[in-house]
Amino acid sequence: MPGTPMLDASAAGVYVIAPTPFHDDGRVDEASTDRMTDFFMEAGCTGITALGMMGEAPKLEHAEALAIATRIIRRASIPVVVGVSAPGFAAMRALARPAMDAGAAGVMIAPPSSLRTDDQIVGYYAGAIEAIGADIPVVIQDYPLAIGVVMTPGVIRRIVQANPSCVMLKHEDWPGLEKISQLRGFQADGSMRPISILCGNGGLFLDFEMERGADGAMTGYAFPDMLADVVRLSREGRRDAAHDLFDAHLPLIRYEQQPNIGLAVRKYVLKRRGILASDAQRKPGGSLSAAARAEVDYLLTRVARGDARAGKLAA
């Protein structure tokens, strides 16, 4: 498999969730995709995750999804994880194998919302890994707020112990700080092998997640350079500096966390930063009202008081 090294349990830093750039008419914007990929690397990201939930993957045809993932993989000099979650294992394999052949570092799999019991969840991951191949590194996506599937620390441990190809957890439980502590406790007592833990939720709890033992972030906030700095400062033990920088962005992070319009906010800010030519989403998708755009613009002026990067945006 060509490309960057395969994903493993040592992965750390910021694996930014890439939105899918579209033209106003819904066509995939390849130029913005390239510009976005370059920006993520320049911003200090250590990896990119394509076709995640905020990448509008369900709105893409299979050929489009593979083309987008391949384009990012071939342009990036950092590892690229590809989201391959699908209702059936056949569709999952049909995306996972070609993505890995193109040079992906691993794939991300979320459980379907139909799972109800611990045994069903554990069995699902066993079946998914059997379908795509045990040679492909897997990120377990734990996002109960969106998916409705609750994975306890014990269930995650069962999945990790039974499947050596599971090397990373995308932690998006909320509240979830105690879950991180418990998982790291399993590693300390030897009952679970080490895994990478990267956190989502727009970075909303990243400051304390790092202190609980997370290795970084896997999310798509429109200032991934800030996320990278917070992770670095936290790992350097510069607690106050990490929190000060994080706190400067917190009002905008909070605003972006609103259900249904979060991606619209994120794309709008990335457009303001000159990364995306359009903030369009493929239909059906939310959009910002004039009042909402004005609120985001105001928040950016507030963020600029603590982070000059926000002050560089054109009016």
C-alpha atoms as a PDB file:
ATOM      1  CA  MET A   1       0.000   0.000   0.000  1.00  0.00           C
ATOM      2  CA  PRO A   2       1.578   3.332  -1.042  1.00  0.00           C
ATOM      3  CA  GLY A   3       1.433   6.562   0.933  1.00  0.00           C
ATOM      4  CA  THR A   4       2.269   7.582   4.494  1.00  0.00           C
ATOM      5  CA  PRO A   5       2.903   5.029   7.261  1.00  0.00           C
ATOM      6  CA  MET A   6      -0.012   2.955   8.491  1.00  0.00           C
ATOM      7  CA  LEU A   7      -1.907   4.207  11.518  1.00  0.00           C
ATOM      8  CA  ASP A   8      -0.873   2.754  14.866  1.00  0.00           C
ATOM      9  CA  ALA A   9      -1.391   3.322  18.592  1.00  0.00           C
ATOM     10  CA  SER A  10       1.293   6.019  18.711  1.00  0.00           C
ATOM     11  CA  ALA A  11      -0.792   8.459  16.618  1.00  0.00           C
ATOM     12  CA  ALA A  12      -1.080  11.867  18.279  1.00  0.00           C
ATOM     13  CA  GLY A  13      -1.674  15.529  17.538  1.00  0.00           C
ATOM     14  CA  VAL A  14      -4.542  16.808  15.409  1.00  0.00           C
ATOM     15  CA  TYR A  15      -6.194  14.642  12.757  1.00  0.00           C
ATOM     16  CA  VAL A  16      -8.461  17.317  11.376  1.00  0.00           C
ATOM     17  CA  ILE A  17     -11.871  16.323  10.022  1.00  0.00           C
ATOM     18  CA  ALA A  18     -12.011  17.563   6.433  1.00  0.00           C
ATOM     19  CA  PRO A  19     -15.271  19.011   5.142  1.00  0.00           C
ATOM     20  CA  THR A  20     -16.063  18.247   1.529  1.00  0.00           C
ATOM     21  CA  PRO A  21     -15.785  21.447  -0.529  1.00  0.00           C
ATOM     22  CA  PHE A  22     -18.627  22.071  -2.990  1.00  0.00           C
ATOM     23  CA  HIS A  23     -19.369  24.699  -5.580  1.00  0.00           C
ATOM     24  CA  ASP A  24     -22.596  26.619  -5.120  1.00  0.00           C
ATOM     25  CA  ASP A  25     -24.329  24.226  -7.510  1.00  0.00           C
ATOM     26  CA  GLY A  26     -23.345  21.138  -5.498  1.00  0.00           C
ATOM     27  CA  ARG A  27     -20.411  19.946  -7.599  1.00  0.00           C
ATOM     28  CA  VAL A  28     -17.270  18.867  -5.773  1.00  0.00           C
ATOM     29  CA  ASP A  29     -14.743  21.712  -5.720  1.00  0.00           C
ATOM     30  CA  GLU A  30     -11.368  20.120  -6.471  1.00  0.00           C
ATOM     31  CA  ALA A  31      -9.378  23.357  -6.274  1.00  0.00           C
ATOM     32  CA  SER A  32     -10.707  24.086  -2.792  1.00  0.00           C
ATOM     33  CA  THR A  33     -10.003  20.479  -1.815  1.00  0.00           C
ATOM     34  CA  ASP A  34      -6.352  20.933  -2.757  1.00  0.00           C
ATOM     35  CA  ARG A  35      -6.127  24.301  -1.015  1.00  0.00           C
ATOM     36  CA  MET A  36      -7.743  22.834   2.096  1.00  0.00           C
ATOM     37  CA  THR A  37      -5.325  19.895   2.169  1.00  0.00           C
ATOM     38  CA  ASP A  38      -2.344  22.252   1.914  1.00  0.00           C
ATOM     39  CA  PHE A  39      -3.775  24.481   4.644  1.00  0.00           C
ATOM     40  CA  PHE A  40      -4.210  21.583   7.041  1.00  0.00           C
ATOM     41  CA  MET A  41      -0.566  20.617   6.659  1.00  0.00           C
ATOM     42  CA  GLU A  42       0.591  24.235   7.053  1.00  0.00           C
ATOM     43  CA  ALA A  43      -1.601  24.542  10.169  1.00  0.00           C
ATOM     44  CA  GLY A  44       0.411  21.871  11.966  1.00  0.00           C
ATOM     45  CA  CYS A  45      -2.057  19.014  11.673  1.00  0.00           C
ATOM     46  CA  THR A  46      -0.462  15.582  12.023  1.00  0.00           C
ATOM     47  CA  GLY A  47      -3.217  13.847  10.044  1.00  0.00           C
ATOM     48  CA  ILE A  48      -6.434  14.347   8.084  1.00  0.00           C
ATOM     49  CA  THR A  49      -9.692  12.442   8.315  1.00  0.00           C
ATOM     50  CA  ALA A  50     -11.750  12.434   5.125  1.00  0.00           C
ATOM     51  CA  LEU A  51     -15.392  11.432   4.710  1.00  0.00           C
ATOM     52  CA  GLY A  52     -16.310  11.807   8.349  1.00  0.00           C
ATOM     53  CA  MET A  53     -19.779  12.847   9.480  1.00  0.00           C
ATOM     54  CA  MET A  54     -18.966  16.510   8.886  1.00  0.00           C
ATOM     55  CA  GLY A  55     -17.622  15.585   5.457  1.00  0.00           C
ATOM     56  CA  GLU A  56     -21.187  14.985   4.189  1.00  0.00           C
ATOM     57  CA  ALA A  57     -20.201  11.449   3.211  1.00  0.00           C
ATOM     58  CA  PRO A  58     -23.801  10.152   2.976  1.00  0.00           C
ATOM     59  CA  LYS A  59     -24.502  12.748   0.259  1.00  0.00           C
ATOM     60  CA  LEU A  60     -21.723  11.448  -1.979  1.00  0.00           C
ATOM     61  CA  GLU A  61     -21.900   8.754  -4.611  1.00  0.00           C
ATOM     62  CA  HIS A  62     -19.398   5.947  -4.107  1.00  0.00           C
ATOM     63  CA  ALA A  63     -17.205   7.099  -6.994  1.00  0.00           C
ATOM     64  CA  GLU A  64     -17.211  10.677  -5.670  1.00  0.00           C
ATOM     65  CA  ALA A  65     -16.299   9.559  -2.160  1.00  0.00           C
ATOM     66  CA  LEU A  66     -13.380   7.471  -3.379  1.00  0.00           C
ATOM     67  CA  ALA A  67     -12.215  10.269  -5.701  1.00  0.00           C
ATOM     68  CA  ILE A  68     -12.231  12.827  -2.880  1.00  0.00           C
ATOM     69  CA  ALA A  69     -10.398  10.535  -0.482  1.00  0.00           C
ATOM     70  CA  THR A  70      -7.827   9.636  -3.134  1.00  0.00           C
ATOM     71  CA  ARG A  71      -7.239  13.276  -4.032  1.00  0.00           C
ATOM     72  CA  ILE A  72      -6.551  14.210  -0.404  1.00  0.00           C
ATOM     73  CA  ILE A  73      -4.354  11.138   0.143  1.00  0.00           C
ATOM     74  CA  ARG A  74      -2.208  11.824  -2.898  1.00  0.00           C
ATOM     75  CA  ARG A  75      -1.710  15.500  -2.044  1.00  0.00           C
ATOM     76  CA  ALA A  76      -1.070  15.098   1.671  1.00  0.00           C
ATOM     77  CA  SER A  77       2.295  14.260   3.175  1.00  0.00           C
ATOM     78  CA  ILE A  78       0.634  13.385   6.485  1.00  0.00           C
ATOM     79  CA  PRO A  79      -1.505  10.314   7.266  1.00  0.00           C
ATOM     80  CA  VAL A  80      -5.082  10.297   5.973  1.00  0.00           C
ATOM     81  CA  VAL A  81      -7.843   8.309   7.679  1.00  0.00           C
ATOM     82  CA  VAL A  82     -10.931   7.588   5.578  1.00  0.00           C
ATOM     83  CA  GLY A  83     -14.394   7.220   7.063  1.00  0.00           C
ATOM     84  CA  VAL A  84     -15.984   4.076   5.651  1.00  0.00           C
ATOM     85  CA  SER A  85     -19.053   3.689   7.859  1.00  0.00           C
ATOM     86  CA  ALA A  86     -21.910   2.174   5.877  1.00  0.00           C
ATOM     87  CA  PRO A  87     -25.161   0.296   6.500  1.00  0.00           C
ATOM     88  CA  GLY A  88     -23.666  -2.908   5.105  1.00  0.00           C
ATOM     89  CA  PHE A  89     -20.253  -4.529   5.145  1.00  0.00           C
ATOM     90  CA  ALA A  90     -20.108  -4.849   1.350  1.00  0.00           C
ATOM     91  CA  ALA A  91     -20.270  -1.075   0.873  1.00  0.00           C
ATOM     92  CA  MET A  92     -17.761  -0.612   3.665  1.00  0.00           C
ATOM     93  CA  ARG A  93     -15.280  -2.949   2.034  1.00  0.00           C
ATOM     94  CA  ALA A  94     -15.863  -1.362  -1.385  1.00  0.00           C
ATOM     95  CA  LEU A  95     -14.541   1.939  -0.031  1.00  0.00           C
ATOM     96  CA  ALA A  96     -12.002   0.697   2.511  1.00  0.00           C
ATOM     97  CA  ARG A  97      -9.891  -1.502   0.230  1.00  0.00           C
ATOM     98  CA  PRO A  98      -9.463   1.013  -2.639  1.00  0.00           C
ATOM     99  CA  ALA A  99      -8.768   3.821  -0.148  1.00  0.00           C
ATOM    100  CA  MET A 100      -6.014   1.779   1.456  1.00  0.00           C
ATOM    101  CA  ASP A 101      -4.632   0.869  -1.971  1.00  0.00           C
ATOM    102  CA  ALA A 102      -4.491   4.605  -2.721  1.00  0.00           C
ATOM    103  CA  GLY A 103      -2.353   5.162   0.362  1.00  0.00           C
ATOM    104  CA  ALA A 104      -4.728   5.770   3.277  1.00  0.00           C
ATOM    105  CA  ALA A 105      -3.266   5.219   6.738  1.00  0.00           C
ATOM    106  CA  GLY A 106      -6.411   3.590   8.097  1.00  0.00           C
ATOM    107  CA  VAL A 107     -10.196   3.751   8.186  1.00  0.00           C
ATOM    108  CA  MET A 108     -12.802   4.955  10.666  1.00  0.00           C
ATOM    109  CA  ILE A 109     -15.895   2.923  11.487  1.00  0.00           C
ATOM    110  CA  ALA A 110     -18.916   4.080  13.487  1.00  0.00           C
ATOM    111  CA  PRO A 111     -21.489   1.595  14.781  1.00  0.00           C
ATOM    112  CA  PRO A 112     -24.966   1.712  13.201  1.00  0.00           C
ATOM    113  CA  SER A 113     -27.741   3.149  15.330  1.00  0.00           C
ATOM    114  CA  SER A 114     -29.596  -0.179  15.323  1.00  0.00           C
ATOM    115  CA  LEU A 115     -27.201  -1.765  17.836  1.00  0.00           C
ATOM    116  CA  ARG A 116     -28.655  -2.101  21.318  1.00  0.00           C
ATOM    117  CA  THR A 117     -26.589  -4.488  23.452  1.00  0.00           C
ATOM    118  CA  ASP A 118     -22.921  -4.717  24.349  1.00  0.00           C
ATOM    119  CA  ASP A 119     -22.611  -8.058  22.579  1.00  0.00           C
ATOM    120  CA  GLN A 120     -24.143  -6.606  19.408  1.00  0.00           C
ATOM    121  CA  ILE A 121     -21.626  -3.764  19.404  1.00  0.00           C
ATOM    122  CA  VAL A 122     -18.654  -6.080  19.951  1.00  0.00           C
ATOM    123  CA  GLY A 123     -19.963  -8.477  17.303  1.00  0.00           C
ATOM    124  CA  TYR A 124     -20.467  -5.663  14.821  1.00  0.00           C
ATOM    125  CA  TYR A 125     -16.842  -4.570  14.960  1.00  0.00           C
ATOM    126  CA  ALA A 126     -15.695  -8.177  14.623  1.00  0.00           C
ATOM    127  CA  GLY A 127     -17.829  -8.533  11.502  1.00  0.00           C
ATOM    128  CA  ALA A 128     -16.694  -5.232  10.033  1.00  0.00           C
ATOM    129  CA  ILE A 129     -13.032  -6.082  10.485  1.00  0.00           C
ATOM    130  CA  GLU A 130     -13.549  -9.516   8.983  1.00  0.00           C
ATOM    131  CA  ALA A 131     -15.211  -7.860   5.975  1.00  0.00           C
ATOM    132  CA  ILE A 132     -12.586  -5.205   5.249  1.00  0.00           C
ATOM    133  CA  GLY A 133      -9.570  -7.269   6.285  1.00  0.00           C
ATOM    134  CA  ALA A 134      -7.640  -7.463   9.542  1.00  0.00           C
ATOM    135  CA  ASP A 135      -4.645  -5.801   7.870  1.00  0.00           C
ATOM    136  CA  ILE A 136      -6.387  -2.405   7.791  1.00  0.00           C
ATOM    137  CA  PRO A 137      -5.884  -0.155  10.863  1.00  0.00           C
ATOM    138  CA  VAL A 138      -9.232   0.862  12.339  1.00  0.00           C
ATOM    139  CA  VAL A 139     -10.430   3.911  14.261  1.00  0.00           C
ATOM    140  CA  ILE A 140     -13.402   3.171  16.522  1.00  0.00           C
ATOM    141  CA  GLN A 141     -15.806   6.115  16.419  1.00  0.00           C
ATOM    142  CA  ASP A 142     -17.602   6.575  19.720  1.00  0.00           C
ATOM    143  CA  TYR A 143     -20.222   9.295  19.177  1.00  0.00           C
ATOM    144  CA  PRO A 144     -23.369   8.412  21.158  1.00  0.00           C
ATOM    145  CA  LEU A 145     -24.875  11.896  20.912  1.00  0.00           C
ATOM    146  CA  ALA A 146     -25.206  11.580  17.133  1.00  0.00           C
ATOM    147  CA  ILE A 147     -25.450   7.820  16.624  1.00  0.00           C
ATOM    148  CA  GLY A 148     -27.374   6.767  19.719  1.00  0.00           C
ATOM    149  CA  VAL A 149     -25.066   3.837  20.481  1.00  0.00           C
ATOM    150  CA  VAL A 150     -23.478   3.896  23.940  1.00  0.00           C
ATOM    151  CA  MET A 151     -20.121   2.168  24.186  1.00  0.00           C
ATOM    152  CA  THR A 152     -18.987   1.808  27.783  1.00  0.00           C
ATOM    153  CA  PRO A 153     -15.277   1.687  28.573  1.00  0.00           C
ATOM    154  CA  GLY A 154     -15.686  -2.043  29.121  1.00  0.00           C
ATOM    155  CA  VAL A 155     -17.145  -2.536  25.652  1.00  0.00           C
ATOM    156  CA  ILE A 156     -14.351  -0.507  24.065  1.00  0.00           C
ATOM    157  CA  ARG A 157     -11.843  -2.656  25.927  1.00  0.00           C
ATOM    158  CA  ARG A 158     -13.511  -5.814  24.600  1.00  0.00           C
ATOM    159  CA  ILE A 159     -13.348  -4.512  21.024  1.00  0.00           C
ATOM    160  CA  VAL A 160      -9.706  -3.460  21.351  1.00  0.00           C
ATOM    161  CA  GLN A 161      -8.591  -6.699  22.972  1.00  0.00           C
ATOM    162  CA  ALA A 162     -10.370  -8.871  20.400  1.00  0.00           C
ATOM    163  CA  ASN A 163      -9.213  -6.923  17.341  1.00  0.00           C
ATOM    164  CA  PRO A 164      -5.514  -6.008  17.056  1.00  0.00           C
ATOM    165  CA  SER A 165      -6.254  -3.809  14.026  1.00  0.00           C
ATOM    166  CA  CYS A 166      -8.228  -1.386  16.246  1.00  0.00           C
ATOM    167  CA  VAL A 167      -5.502   1.124  17.074  1.00  0.00           C
ATOM    168  CA  MET A 168      -7.379   4.352  17.786  1.00  0.00           C
ATOM    169  CA  LEU A 169     -10.522   5.592  19.513  1.00  0.00           C
ATOM    170  CA  LYS A 170     -12.255   8.715  18.272  1.00  0.00           C
ATOM    171  CA  HIS A 171     -13.721   9.787  21.583  1.00  0.00           C
ATOM    172  CA  GLU A 172     -16.862  11.911  21.278  1.00  0.00           C
ATOM    173  CA  ASP A 173     -18.846  10.945  24.334  1.00  0.00           C
ATOM    174  CA  TRP A 174     -20.252  13.834  26.332  1.00  0.00           C
ATOM    175  CA  PRO A 175     -19.607  14.014  29.220  1.00  0.00           C
ATOM    176  CA  GLY A 176     -16.592  11.854  28.551  1.00  0.00           C
ATOM    177  CA  LEU A 177     -13.668  12.924  30.687  1.00  0.00           C
ATOM    178  CA  GLU A 178     -14.153  10.040  33.104  1.00  0.00           C
ATOM    179  CA  LYS A 179     -14.251   7.606  30.179  1.00  0.00           C
ATOM    180  CA  ILE A 180     -10.784   8.728  29.085  1.00  0.00           C
ATOM    181  CA  SER A 181      -9.473   8.276  32.612  1.00  0.00           C
ATOM    182  CA  GLN A 182     -11.003   4.805  32.863  1.00  0.00           C
ATOM    183  CA  LEU A 183      -9.565   3.687  29.514  1.00  0.00           C
ATOM    184  CA  ARG A 184      -6.114   4.916  30.477  1.00  0.00           C
ATOM    185  CA  GLY A 185      -6.601   3.074  33.760  1.00  0.00           C
ATOM    186  CA  PHE A 186      -7.229  -0.144  31.828  1.00  0.00           C
ATOM    187  CA  GLN A 187      -3.942   0.403  30.028  1.00  0.00           C
ATOM    188  CA  ALA A 188      -2.128   1.085  33.310  1.00  0.00           C
ATOM    189  CA  ASP A 189      -3.378  -2.120  34.917  1.00  0.00           C
ATOM    190  CA  GLY A 190      -2.591  -4.163  31.810  1.00  0.00           C
ATOM    191  CA  SER A 191      -6.169  -5.171  31.015  1.00  0.00           C
ATOM    192  CA  MET A 192      -6.184  -3.270  27.701  1.00  0.00           C
ATOM    193  CA  ARG A 193      -3.362  -2.755  25.253  1.00  0.00           C
ATOM    194  CA  PRO A 194      -2.415   0.855  24.470  1.00  0.00           C
ATOM    195  CA  ILE A 195      -4.452   2.720  21.870  1.00  0.00           C
ATOM    196  CA  SER A 196      -4.420   6.269  20.566  1.00  0.00           C
ATOM    197  CA  ILE A 197      -7.275   8.426  21.847  1.00  0.00           C
ATOM    198  CA  LEU A 198      -8.195  11.484  19.775  1.00  0.00           C
ATOM    199  CA  CYS A 199     -11.214  13.580  20.726  1.00  0.00           C
ATOM    200  CA  GLY A 200     -14.001  15.211  18.741  1.00  0.00           C
ATOM    201  CA  ASN A 201     -17.042  17.335  19.618  1.00  0.00           C
ATOM    202  CA  GLY A 202     -15.587  20.328  17.792  1.00  0.00           C
ATOM    203  CA  GLY A 203     -12.781  20.497  20.344  1.00  0.00           C
ATOM    204  CA  LEU A 204     -15.232  21.686  23.004  1.00  0.00           C
ATOM    205  CA  PHE A 205     -13.461  19.855  25.847  1.00  0.00           C
ATOM    206  CA  LEU A 206      -9.977  19.503  24.371  1.00  0.00           C
ATOM    207  CA  ASP A 207      -8.266  21.487  27.128  1.00  0.00           C
ATOM    208  CA  PHE A 208      -9.237  19.009  29.836  1.00  0.00           C
ATOM    209  CA  GLU A 209      -9.293  15.961  27.554  1.00  0.00           C
ATOM    210  CA  MET A 210      -5.556  16.415  27.058  1.00  0.00           C
ATOM    211  CA  GLU A 211      -5.073  16.495  30.815  1.00  0.00           C
ATOM    212  CA  ARG A 212      -7.047  13.259  31.200  1.00  0.00           C
ATOM    213  CA  GLY A 213      -4.714  11.427  28.832  1.00  0.00           C
ATOM    214  CA  ALA A 214      -5.986  12.066  25.306  1.00  0.00           C
ATOM    215  CA  ASP A 215      -3.348  12.103  22.578  1.00  0.00           C
ATOM    216  CA  GLY A 216      -4.943  14.961  20.671  1.00  0.00           C
ATOM    217  CA  ALA A 217      -7.974  15.879  18.616  1.00  0.00           C
ATOM    218  CA  MET A 218      -9.853  14.463  15.661  1.00  0.00           C
ATOM    219  CA  THR A 219     -12.310  17.201  14.875  1.00  0.00           C
ATOM    220  CA  GLY A 220     -12.944  19.917  12.331  1.00  0.00           C
ATOM    221  CA  TYR A 221     -13.064  23.271  14.076  1.00  0.00           C
ATOM    222  CA  ALA A 222     -12.241  26.015  11.570  1.00  0.00           C
ATOM    223  CA  PHE A 223      -8.999  26.885  13.388  1.00  0.00           C
ATOM    224  CA  PRO A 224      -7.137  23.550  13.387  1.00  0.00           C
ATOM    225  CA  ASP A 225      -3.943  25.546  13.885  1.00  0.00           C
ATOM    226  CA  MET A 226      -5.283  26.575  17.293  1.00  0.00           C
ATOM    227  CA  LEU A 227      -6.115  22.961  18.138  1.00  0.00           C
ATOM    228  CA  ALA A 228      -2.573  21.950  17.188  1.00  0.00           C
ATOM    229  CA  ASP A 229      -1.169  24.663  19.441  1.00  0.00           C
ATOM    230  CA  VAL A 230      -3.355  23.619  22.391  1.00  0.00           C
ATOM    231  CA  VAL A 231      -2.248  20.002  21.991  1.00  0.00           C
ATOM    232  CA  ARG A 232       1.402  21.065  21.802  1.00  0.00           C
ATOM    233  CA  LEU A 233       1.191  23.393  24.803  1.00  0.00           C
ATOM    234  CA  SER A 234      -0.590  20.729  26.841  1.00  0.00           C
ATOM    235  CA  ARG A 235       2.057  18.133  26.033  1.00  0.00           C
ATOM    236  CA  GLU A 236       4.757  20.637  26.998  1.00  0.00           C
ATOM    237  CA  GLY A 237       3.109  21.066  30.400  1.00  0.00           C
ATOM    238  CA  ARG A 238       2.230  24.713  29.733  1.00  0.00           C
ATOM    239  CA  ARG A 239      -1.213  24.432  31.244  1.00  0.00           C
ATOM    240  CA  ASP A 240      -2.136  28.111  31.582  1.00  0.00           C
ATOM    241  CA  ALA A 241      -0.929  28.937  28.051  1.00  0.00           C
ATOM    242  CA  ALA A 242      -2.989  26.058  26.634  1.00  0.00           C
ATOM    243  CA  HIS A 243      -6.113  27.153  28.490  1.00  0.00           C
ATOM    244  CA  ASP A 244      -5.647  30.823  27.638  1.00  0.00           C
ATOM    245  CA  LEU A 245      -5.471  30.083  23.927  1.00  0.00           C
ATOM    246  CA  PHE A 246      -8.375  27.647  24.124  1.00  0.00           C
ATOM    247  CA  ASP A 247     -10.490  30.121  26.086  1.00  0.00           C
ATOM    248  CA  ALA A 248     -10.001  32.779  23.404  1.00  0.00           C
ATOM    249  CA  HIS A 249     -11.732  30.495  20.909  1.00  0.00           C
ATOM    250  CA  LEU A 250     -14.347  28.997  23.205  1.00  0.00           C
ATOM    251  CA  PRO A 251     -17.234  31.350  22.255  1.00  0.00           C
ATOM    252  CA  LEU A 252     -16.832  30.456  18.576  1.00  0.00           C
ATOM    253  CA  ILE A 253     -16.371  26.755  19.364  1.00  0.00           C
ATOM    254  CA  ARG A 254     -19.602  26.865  21.367  1.00  0.00           C
ATOM    255  CA  TYR A 255     -21.455  28.631  18.554  1.00  0.00           C
ATOM    256  CA  GLU A 256     -20.241  26.053  16.052  1.00  0.00           C
ATOM    257  CA  GLN A 257     -21.605  23.243  18.245  1.00  0.00           C
ATOM    258  CA  GLN A 258     -25.216  24.152  17.515  1.00  0.00           C
ATOM    259  CA  PRO A 259     -27.085  21.200  16.000  1.00  0.00           C
ATOM    260  CA  ASN A 260     -27.931  21.423  12.290  1.00  0.00           C
ATOM    261  CA  ILE A 261     -25.923  24.578  11.552  1.00  0.00           C
ATOM    262  CA  GLY A 262     -22.509  23.591  12.913  1.00  0.00           C
ATOM    263  CA  LEU A 263     -21.137  22.615   9.526  1.00  0.00           C
ATOM    264  CA  ALA A 264     -22.519  25.787   7.979  1.00  0.00           C
ATOM    265  CA  VAL A 265     -20.616  27.824  10.582  1.00  0.00           C
ATOM    266  CA  ARG A 266     -17.444  25.836   9.999  1.00  0.00           C
ATOM    267  CA  LYS A 267     -17.590  26.204   6.228  1.00  0.00           C
ATOM    268  CA  TYR A 268     -18.377  29.900   6.502  1.00  0.00           C
ATOM    269  CA  VAL A 269     -15.306  30.525   8.657  1.00  0.00           C
ATOM    270  CA  LEU A 270     -13.117  28.435   6.344  1.00  0.00           C
ATOM    271  CA  LYS A 271     -14.402  30.558   3.468  1.00  0.00           C
ATOM    272  CA  ARG A 272     -13.557  33.699   5.448  1.00  0.00           C
ATOM    273  CA  ARG A 273     -10.069  32.260   5.968  1.00  0.00           C
ATOM    274  CA  GLY A 274      -9.662  31.883   2.200  1.00  0.00           C
ATOM    275  CA  ILE A 275      -9.621  28.078   2.240  1.00  0.00           C
ATOM    276  CA  LEU A 276     -12.994  27.321   0.624  1.00  0.00           C
ATOM    277  CA  ALA A 277     -14.299  29.207  -2.380  1.00  0.00           C
ATOM    278  CA  SER A 278     -17.872  28.522  -1.265  1.00  0.00           C
ATOM    279  CA  ASP A 279     -19.490  27.576   2.027  1.00  0.00           C
ATOM    280  CA  ALA A 280     -22.161  25.553   0.211  1.00  0.00           C
ATOM    281  CA  GLN A 281     -23.341  22.196   1.456  1.00  0.00           C
ATOM    282  CA  ARG A 282     -24.804  19.559  -0.805  1.00  0.00           C
ATOM    283  CA  LYS A 283     -28.579  19.368  -0.457  1.00  0.00           C
ATOM    284  CA  PRO A 284     -30.170  18.820   1.933  1.00  0.00           C
ATOM    285  CA  GLY A 285     -28.039  21.017   4.124  1.00  0.00           C
ATOM    286  CA  GLY A 286     -28.302  23.926   6.488  1.00  0.00           C
ATOM    287  CA  SER A 287     -27.303  27.495   5.767  1.00  0.00           C
ATOM    288  CA  LEU A 288     -26.651  30.607   7.818  1.00  0.00           C
ATOM    289  CA  SER A 289     -29.027  33.547   7.892  1.00  0.00           C
ATOM    290  CA  ALA A 290     -27.673  37.048   7.550  1.00  0.00           C
ATOM    291  CA  ALA A 291     -28.084  37.456  11.305  1.00  0.00           C
ATOM    292  CA  ALA A 292     -26.092  34.279  11.995  1.00  0.00           C
ATOM    293  CA  ARG A 293     -23.279  35.354   9.674  1.00  0.00           C
ATOM    294  CA  ALA A 294     -23.121  38.696  11.468  1.00  0.00           C
ATOM    295  CA  GLU A 295     -22.900  36.881  14.809  1.00  0.00           C
ATOM    296  CA  VAL A 296     -20.029  34.720  13.558  1.00  0.00           C
ATOM    297  CA  ASP A 297     -18.257  37.810  12.210  1.00  0.00           C
ATOM    298  CA  TYR A 298     -18.623  39.437  15.623  1.00  0.00           C
ATOM    299  CA  LEU A 299     -17.287  36.334  17.369  1.00  0.00           C
ATOM    300  CA  LEU A 300     -14.262  36.364  15.085  1.00  0.00           C
ATOM    301  CA  THR A 301     -13.442  39.897  16.270  1.00  0.00           C
ATOM    302  CA  ARG A 302     -13.673  38.625  19.841  1.00  0.00           C
ATOM    303  CA  VAL A 303     -11.411  35.666  19.095  1.00  0.00           C
ATOM    304  CA  ALA A 304      -8.900  38.049  17.508  1.00  0.00           C
ATOM    305  CA  ARG A 305      -8.315  39.655  20.900  1.00  0.00           C
ATOM    306  CA  GLY A 306      -6.599  36.469  22.025  1.00  0.00           C
ATOM    307  CA  ASP A 307      -5.423  34.993  18.720  1.00  0.00           C
ATOM    308  CA  ALA A 308      -4.166  37.233  15.922  1.00  0.00           C
ATOM    309  CA  ARG A 309      -4.986  34.570  13.317  1.00  0.00           C
ATOM    310  CA  ALA A 310      -8.655  35.513  13.594  1.00  0.00           C
ATOM    311  CA  GLY A 311      -7.801  39.161  13.024  1.00  0.00           C
ATOM    312  CA  LYS A 312      -6.315  38.474   9.595  1.00  0.00           C
ATOM    313  CA  LEU A 313      -9.676  37.713   8.006  1.00  0.00           C
ATOM    314  CA  ALA A 314     -10.939  40.061   5.347  1.00  0.00           C
ATOM    315  CA  ALA A 315     -13.939  42.178   6.251  1.00  0.00           C
END
